[in-house]
Amino acid sequence: MDYVGRAAFGIDHFFQRDLAHPFLQQAIEALPGTMCGFFHNLACCTSTLRVLTAPLLWLNSKFGDFTYATFTNQTAKVAELRKKNPSLPKADILQALIDAEVTDEKTDTGRNGKKLSFDDVCINSTVLFIAGFETTATALSYLIFNIAKHPAVQEKLRTEVINAVGESGNLDFATTMNLKYMKQVFDETLRQHPPGVTFTTRTAVEDVEYKGVKIKAGMSIMAPTYQIQMDPRHWPNPEEFDPDRFSPENRARQHPMAYQAFGMGPRNCLGMRMAILEAIYTAARILLKFRLELGNSQKGEMKMDYYSTVSVPANGPWIKFHQI
């Protein structure tokens, strides 16, 4: 949360020591009401029947969760304040989006093509912020669980981190991103426990028929991420935790669409590299100081619960930290 807050809004605050901070509380409450609810789900099933979709989305906005809209309104106030006070801008995502905005009076979009409206700025800032802290925290929970569950994997990871730090002198960006086995463990973790379960969606731009299925222009297609990544046709013994699935030689033989934890193609997760860096760096720091063990109540299982567009651990994780 601290990291994403600085990167997205330039907020320099230690939220871990201030859990009652209103900004944190609004962010936590916003996600459960985002892209969910009866009317929203029904609208997703009628994307080609536009005469029905619009009223359903309107009903969702009137009777759905208001927290997300409230958070977006707060973002709009910050953006408006920065625009009126040139001395306030910071080097963050919100400012980058503000700089890309074009007002209604401007018609020249310049060499960069389409510009953003003020609503685009506010909505995208909110989406990037909320998606950035919740999903990464969830991914890290799954990662720590698997490290604790598999002692042999844990020792191999610790050896890799110690050797890498010994060579470079510190755990900096380059060292972190060069932890190859840690990346394999992270990818295998997200294969079995993807935080974004309804993340990859695409809209047909024209009528097309695929294997006998007619897809009309405007229809939204949602990839079932979990089912794809647990499909035994692509992943033999999918319930088995095996980081070697993501070794360079094995990954080269896999179907490119069989792993979609961060989406796929040019419109994959915008914060993918940031999320990978955060998770791997945090896990590496932990392994340098602690030996991890599953708590007595964990029973070696990790069940997923679902709300909004993400999955979350349903039963933990409960981890024992033994200082080395």
Protein backbone atom coordinates (compact mmCIF):
# COMPACT_ATOMS: atom_id res chain seq x y z
CA MET A 1 0.00 0.00 0.00
CA ASP A 2 2.83 2.43 0.88
CA TYR A 3 4.62 1.69 -2.38
CA VAL A 4 1.55 1.94 -4.60
CA GLY A 5 0.38 5.07 -2.79
CA ARG A 6 3.64 6.82 -3.61
CA ALA A 7 3.74 5.57 -7.20
CA ALA A 8 0.09 6.30 -7.99
CA PHE A 9 -0.71 9.45 -6.00
CA GLY A 10 2.58 10.66 -4.55
CA ILE A 11 1.31 9.86 -1.05
CA ASP A 12 4.26 9.42 1.29
CA HIS A 13 2.63 7.71 4.26
CA PHE A 14 3.38 4.61 6.35
CA PHE A 15 -0.07 3.02 6.17
CA GLN A 16 1.05 -0.13 8.00
CA ARG A 17 1.29 1.96 11.17
CA ASP A 18 -1.91 3.86 10.49
CA LEU A 19 -4.56 1.30 9.57
CA ALA A 20 -7.36 3.73 10.39
CA HIS A 21 -6.23 6.27 7.78
CA PRO A 22 -9.35 7.27 5.75
CA PHE A 23 -7.54 6.90 2.42
CA LEU A 24 -6.59 3.31 3.26
CA GLN A 25 -10.07 2.47 4.51
CA GLN A 26 -11.73 3.81 1.34
CA ALA A 27 -9.30 1.83 -0.82
CA ILE A 28 -9.99 -1.39 1.09
CA GLU A 29 -13.75 -0.90 0.84
CA ALA A 30 -13.74 0.04 -2.85
CA LEU A 31 -12.66 -3.24 -4.44
CA PRO A 32 -15.46 -5.55 -3.17
CA GLY A 33 -18.02 -3.35 -4.93
CA THR A 34 -16.10 -3.03 -8.19
CA MET A 35 -17.31 -4.90 -11.28
CA CYS A 36 -19.64 -7.15 -9.34
CA GLY A 37 -23.22 -7.39 -8.20
CA PHE A 38 -26.37 -8.85 -9.74
CA PHE A 39 -26.99 -6.12 -12.32
CA HIS A 40 -23.34 -5.93 -13.39
CA ASN A 41 -23.08 -9.71 -13.85
CA LEU A 42 -26.32 -9.74 -15.83
CA ALA A 43 -25.03 -6.90 -18.02
CA CYS A 44 -21.89 -8.92 -18.80
CA CYS A 45 -24.10 -11.69 -20.18
CA THR A 46 -25.98 -9.30 -22.47
CA SER A 47 -23.09 -7.33 -23.98
CA THR A 48 -24.43 -7.79 -27.52
CA LEU A 49 -27.94 -6.69 -26.52
CA ARG A 50 -27.08 -3.05 -25.99
CA VAL A 51 -30.69 -2.09 -25.43
CA LEU A 52 -30.50 -4.17 -22.21
CA THR A 53 -26.89 -3.54 -21.19
CA ALA A 54 -27.21 0.22 -20.67
CA PRO A 55 -30.24 0.00 -18.32
CA LEU A 56 -28.60 -2.81 -16.34
CA LEU A 57 -25.41 -0.83 -15.83
CA TRP A 58 -27.51 2.17 -14.80
CA LEU A 59 -29.33 0.03 -12.23
CA ASN A 60 -25.98 -1.23 -10.97
CA SER A 61 -24.76 2.35 -10.51
CA LYS A 62 -27.91 3.24 -8.56
CA PHE A 63 -28.22 0.16 -6.36
CA GLY A 64 -24.67 -1.18 -6.31
CA ASP A 65 -21.77 -0.33 -4.03
CA PHE A 66 -21.06 3.41 -3.80
CA THR A 67 -17.58 3.13 -2.30
CA TYR A 68 -15.79 2.90 -5.64
CA ALA A 69 -17.57 6.00 -6.92
CA THR A 70 -16.70 7.82 -3.70
CA PHE A 71 -13.04 6.91 -4.08
CA THR A 72 -13.04 8.08 -7.70
CA ASN A 73 -14.59 11.39 -6.62
CA GLN A 74 -11.78 11.85 -4.11
CA THR A 75 -9.28 11.19 -6.90
CA ALA A 76 -11.00 13.86 -9.00
CA LYS A 77 -10.58 16.40 -6.19
CA VAL A 78 -6.84 15.69 -5.98
CA ALA A 79 -6.46 15.95 -9.76
CA GLU A 80 -8.40 19.22 -9.87
CA LEU A 81 -6.30 20.65 -7.05
CA ARG A 82 -3.08 19.83 -8.88
CA LYS A 83 -4.32 21.42 -12.09
CA LYS A 84 -5.12 24.66 -10.27
CA ASN A 85 -1.81 24.69 -8.38
CA PRO A 86 1.17 24.12 -10.71
CA SER A 87 3.54 23.81 -7.75
CA LEU A 88 1.79 20.65 -6.47
CA PRO A 89 2.46 18.11 -9.27
CA LYS A 90 4.64 15.11 -8.39
CA ALA A 91 6.34 12.40 -10.38
CA ASP A 92 3.58 9.80 -10.07
CA ILE A 93 0.99 8.01 -12.19
CA LEU A 94 -1.76 10.52 -11.47
CA GLN A 95 0.40 13.37 -12.74
CA ALA A 96 1.36 11.41 -15.86
CA LEU A 97 -2.33 10.95 -16.63
CA ILE A 98 -3.09 14.62 -15.94
CA ASP A 99 -0.30 15.61 -18.33
CA ALA A 100 -1.91 13.40 -20.98
CA GLU A 101 -5.30 15.08 -20.57
CA VAL A 102 -6.80 17.28 -23.26
CA THR A 103 -9.54 19.78 -22.40
CA ASP A 104 -12.76 20.09 -24.38
CA GLU A 105 -11.48 23.31 -25.93
CA LYS A 106 -8.41 21.63 -27.39
CA THR A 107 -8.78 19.87 -30.69
CA ASP A 108 -5.17 19.29 -31.70
CA THR A 109 -4.11 15.92 -30.31
CA GLY A 110 -0.56 16.33 -31.60
CA ARG A 111 1.77 13.53 -32.56
CA ASN A 112 0.72 11.24 -29.72
CA GLY A 113 -2.77 10.63 -31.08
CA LYS A 114 -5.73 10.30 -28.70
CA LYS A 115 -5.56 12.15 -25.39
CA LEU A 116 -7.42 11.54 -22.14
CA SER A 117 -10.49 13.33 -20.82
CA PHE A 118 -10.64 14.42 -17.17
CA ASP A 119 -12.98 11.51 -16.41
CA ASP A 120 -10.46 9.14 -18.02
CA VAL A 121 -7.74 10.54 -15.76
CA CYS A 122 -9.75 10.03 -12.57
CA ILE A 123 -11.13 6.59 -13.41
CA ASN A 124 -7.80 5.20 -14.63
CA SER A 125 -5.96 6.56 -11.60
CA THR A 126 -8.45 4.86 -9.29
CA VAL A 127 -8.30 1.56 -11.17
CA LEU A 128 -4.49 1.52 -11.21
CA PHE A 129 -4.30 2.26 -7.51
CA ILE A 130 -6.88 -0.26 -6.31
CA ALA A 131 -5.66 -3.00 -8.64
CA GLY A 132 -2.07 -2.31 -7.66
CA PHE A 133 -2.23 -2.90 -3.92
CA GLU A 134 -4.89 -5.59 -3.45
CA THR A 135 -3.72 -8.05 -6.10
CA THR A 136 -0.03 -7.80 -5.18
CA ALA A 137 -0.76 -8.34 -1.49
CA THR A 138 -2.84 -11.39 -2.40
CA ALA A 139 -0.13 -12.78 -4.69
CA LEU A 140 2.44 -12.35 -1.92
CA SER A 141 0.20 -14.25 0.51
CA TYR A 142 -0.03 -17.17 -1.90
CA LEU A 143 3.74 -17.05 -2.51
CA ILE A 144 4.64 -17.09 1.20
CA PHE A 145 2.23 -19.98 1.74
CA ASN A 146 3.92 -22.11 -0.93
CA ILE A 147 7.40 -21.25 0.33
CA ALA A 148 6.38 -22.36 3.83
CA LYS A 149 4.65 -25.50 2.56
CA HIS A 150 7.62 -26.76 0.53
CA PRO A 151 10.81 -26.80 2.68
CA ALA A 152 13.05 -28.02 -0.17
CA VAL A 153 11.88 -25.17 -2.38
CA GLN A 154 12.41 -22.76 0.51
CA GLU A 155 16.02 -23.82 1.06
CA LYS A 156 16.78 -23.59 -2.65
CA LEU A 157 15.32 -20.09 -2.70
CA ARG A 158 17.27 -19.01 0.36
CA THR A 159 20.50 -20.27 -1.17
CA GLU A 160 19.76 -18.37 -4.38
CA VAL A 161 19.08 -15.14 -2.50
CA ILE A 162 22.17 -15.45 -0.27
CA ASN A 163 24.42 -16.14 -3.26
CA ALA A 164 22.92 -13.27 -5.25
CA VAL A 165 23.33 -10.79 -2.40
CA GLY A 166 26.87 -12.06 -1.80
CA GLU A 167 27.83 -11.30 -5.38
CA SER A 168 26.19 -7.87 -5.70
CA GLY A 169 26.58 -6.68 -2.12
CA ASN A 170 22.92 -5.76 -1.65
CA LEU A 171 19.40 -6.67 -2.68
CA ASP A 172 18.88 -3.96 -5.28
CA PHE A 173 16.64 -3.88 -8.35
CA ALA A 174 19.05 -5.75 -10.63
CA THR A 175 19.74 -8.45 -8.03
CA THR A 176 16.04 -8.94 -7.30
CA MET A 177 15.04 -9.27 -10.94
CA ASN A 178 17.86 -11.78 -11.51
CA LEU A 179 16.48 -14.29 -8.98
CA LYS A 180 15.50 -16.83 -11.64
CA TYR A 181 14.29 -19.64 -9.41
CA MET A 182 12.29 -17.21 -7.27
CA LYS A 183 10.53 -16.05 -10.44
CA GLN A 184 9.70 -19.69 -11.30
CA VAL A 185 8.23 -20.22 -7.83
CA PHE A 186 6.23 -17.02 -8.17
CA ASP A 187 4.87 -18.01 -11.60
CA GLU A 188 3.91 -21.49 -10.40
CA THR A 189 2.19 -19.94 -7.39
CA LEU A 190 0.10 -17.67 -9.60
CA ARG A 191 -0.68 -20.57 -11.93
CA GLN A 192 -2.41 -22.40 -9.09
CA HIS A 193 -3.70 -19.31 -7.28
CA PRO A 194 -4.25 -16.43 -9.74
CA PRO A 195 -5.31 -13.24 -7.91
CA GLY A 196 -7.10 -11.91 -11.01
CA VAL A 197 -9.74 -14.49 -11.86
CA THR A 198 -11.80 -12.39 -14.30
CA PHE A 199 -8.97 -10.22 -15.52
CA THR A 200 -8.48 -11.14 -19.17
CA THR A 201 -11.37 -9.87 -21.29
CA ARG A 202 -11.46 -8.87 -24.94
CA THR A 203 -14.18 -7.31 -27.10
CA ALA A 204 -14.79 -8.48 -30.67
CA VAL A 205 -14.44 -5.65 -33.19
CA GLU A 206 -16.25 -7.60 -35.92
CA ASP A 207 -18.41 -10.69 -36.34
CA VAL A 208 -16.35 -13.87 -36.28
CA GLU A 209 -16.92 -17.61 -36.00
CA TYR A 210 -14.47 -19.72 -34.00
CA LYS A 211 -14.84 -23.51 -33.98
CA GLY A 212 -18.54 -23.25 -34.70
CA VAL A 213 -19.18 -20.55 -32.10
CA LYS A 214 -20.49 -17.28 -33.52
CA ILE A 215 -19.10 -14.20 -31.81
CA LYS A 216 -20.80 -10.93 -32.71
CA ALA A 217 -19.10 -7.56 -32.88
CA GLY A 218 -19.22 -5.88 -29.48
CA MET A 219 -19.40 -9.16 -27.55
CA SER A 220 -17.08 -9.29 -24.55
CA ILE A 221 -15.15 -12.54 -24.08
CA MET A 222 -13.81 -13.38 -20.63
CA ALA A 223 -10.99 -15.92 -20.27
CA PRO A 224 -11.47 -18.37 -17.35
CA THR A 225 -7.95 -17.86 -15.96
CA TYR A 226 -8.05 -20.45 -13.19
CA GLN A 227 -9.55 -23.17 -15.39
CA ILE A 228 -7.00 -22.54 -18.15
CA GLN A 229 -4.07 -22.67 -15.76
CA MET A 230 -5.31 -25.88 -14.13
CA ASP A 231 -6.09 -27.64 -17.43
CA PRO A 232 -4.22 -30.99 -17.51
CA ARG A 233 -3.96 -30.75 -21.30
CA HIS A 234 -1.46 -27.95 -20.80
CA TRP A 235 -0.27 -28.64 -17.26
CA PRO A 236 0.21 -32.35 -16.40
CA ASN A 237 -0.70 -33.07 -12.77
CA PRO A 238 -1.92 -29.48 -12.30
CA GLU A 239 -2.51 -29.88 -8.55
CA GLU A 240 1.19 -30.60 -8.02
CA PHE A 241 3.34 -27.58 -7.14
CA ASP A 242 6.30 -27.71 -9.52
CA PRO A 243 8.31 -24.51 -10.16
CA ASP A 244 10.32 -26.31 -12.84
CA ARG A 245 7.30 -25.96 -15.14
CA PHE A 246 8.58 -22.42 -15.65
CA SER A 247 12.21 -23.23 -16.34
CA PRO A 248 13.32 -21.68 -19.66
CA GLU A 249 13.34 -25.02 -21.48
CA ASN A 250 9.90 -26.08 -20.21
CA ARG A 251 8.31 -22.67 -20.71
CA ALA A 252 9.41 -22.67 -24.36
CA ARG A 253 7.36 -25.83 -24.96
CA GLN A 254 4.17 -24.54 -23.36
CA HIS A 255 1.25 -22.98 -25.19
CA PRO A 256 1.71 -19.19 -24.94
CA MET A 257 -1.90 -18.71 -23.82
CA ALA A 258 -1.84 -21.39 -21.12
CA TYR A 259 -0.58 -18.96 -18.47
CA GLN A 260 -2.59 -15.76 -18.03
CA ALA A 261 -1.96 -14.61 -14.47
CA PHE A 262 -1.17 -11.14 -15.84
CA GLY A 263 -3.32 -11.36 -18.93
CA MET A 264 -1.82 -11.72 -22.38
CA GLY A 265 -0.75 -9.61 -25.33
CA PRO A 266 -0.25 -5.84 -25.64
CA ARG A 267 -3.08 -5.18 -23.16
CA ASN A 268 -1.79 -7.35 -20.36
CA CYS A 269 -1.48 -6.09 -16.78
CA LEU A 270 -0.03 -2.59 -16.80
CA GLY A 271 1.57 -3.08 -13.38
CA MET A 272 3.00 -6.55 -14.04
CA ARG A 273 6.68 -5.67 -13.61
CA MET A 274 5.95 -3.59 -10.54
CA ALA A 275 3.97 -6.44 -8.95
CA ILE A 276 6.68 -9.00 -9.72
CA LEU A 277 9.35 -6.74 -8.25
CA GLU A 278 7.36 -6.09 -5.06
CA ALA A 279 6.53 -9.76 -4.45
CA ILE A 280 9.98 -11.17 -5.22
CA TYR A 281 11.82 -8.45 -3.28
CA THR A 282 9.60 -8.90 -0.21
CA ALA A 283 9.93 -12.69 -0.27
CA ALA A 284 13.71 -12.43 -0.67
CA ARG A 285 14.02 -10.07 2.30
CA ILE A 286 11.94 -12.43 4.43
CA LEU A 287 14.02 -15.48 3.47
CA LEU A 288 17.23 -13.73 4.47
CA LYS A 289 15.96 -13.37 8.04
CA PHE A 290 13.36 -16.06 8.65
CA ARG A 291 12.61 -19.73 8.16
CA LEU A 292 8.95 -20.19 7.29
CA GLU A 293 6.65 -22.94 8.49
CA LEU A 294 2.92 -23.50 8.05
CA GLY A 295 0.82 -22.72 11.10
CA ASN A 296 -0.89 -25.56 12.92
CA SER A 297 -4.32 -24.55 11.62
CA GLN A 298 -3.26 -24.32 7.96
CA LYS A 299 -3.23 -28.10 7.27
CA GLY A 300 -1.21 -27.62 4.10
CA GLU A 301 -4.18 -26.34 2.10
CA MET A 302 -4.88 -23.00 0.50
CA LYS A 303 -8.46 -22.45 -0.54
CA MET A 304 -9.46 -19.42 -2.55
CA ASP A 305 -12.42 -17.19 -1.93
CA TYR A 306 -13.71 -14.78 -4.56
CA TYR A 307 -15.02 -11.27 -4.45
CA SER A 308 -15.16 -8.63 -7.13
CA THR A 309 -12.60 -9.43 -9.83
CA VAL A 310 -10.03 -11.11 -7.58
CA SER A 311 -9.40 -14.17 -5.47
CA VAL A 312 -8.23 -14.00 -1.86
CA PRO A 313 -7.02 -16.66 0.61
CA ALA A 314 -10.08 -18.13 2.29
CA ASN A 315 -8.23 -19.75 5.17
CA GLY A 316 -5.11 -17.79 5.99
CA PRO A 317 -2.34 -18.04 5.29
CA TRP A 318 -1.21 -18.81 8.83
CA ILE A 319 2.58 -18.86 8.86
CA LYS A 320 5.18 -19.32 11.61
CA PHE A 321 8.28 -17.12 11.26
CA HIS A 322 11.44 -18.54 12.85
CA GLN A 323 14.26 -16.01 13.02
CA ILE A 324 17.50 -17.32 11.52
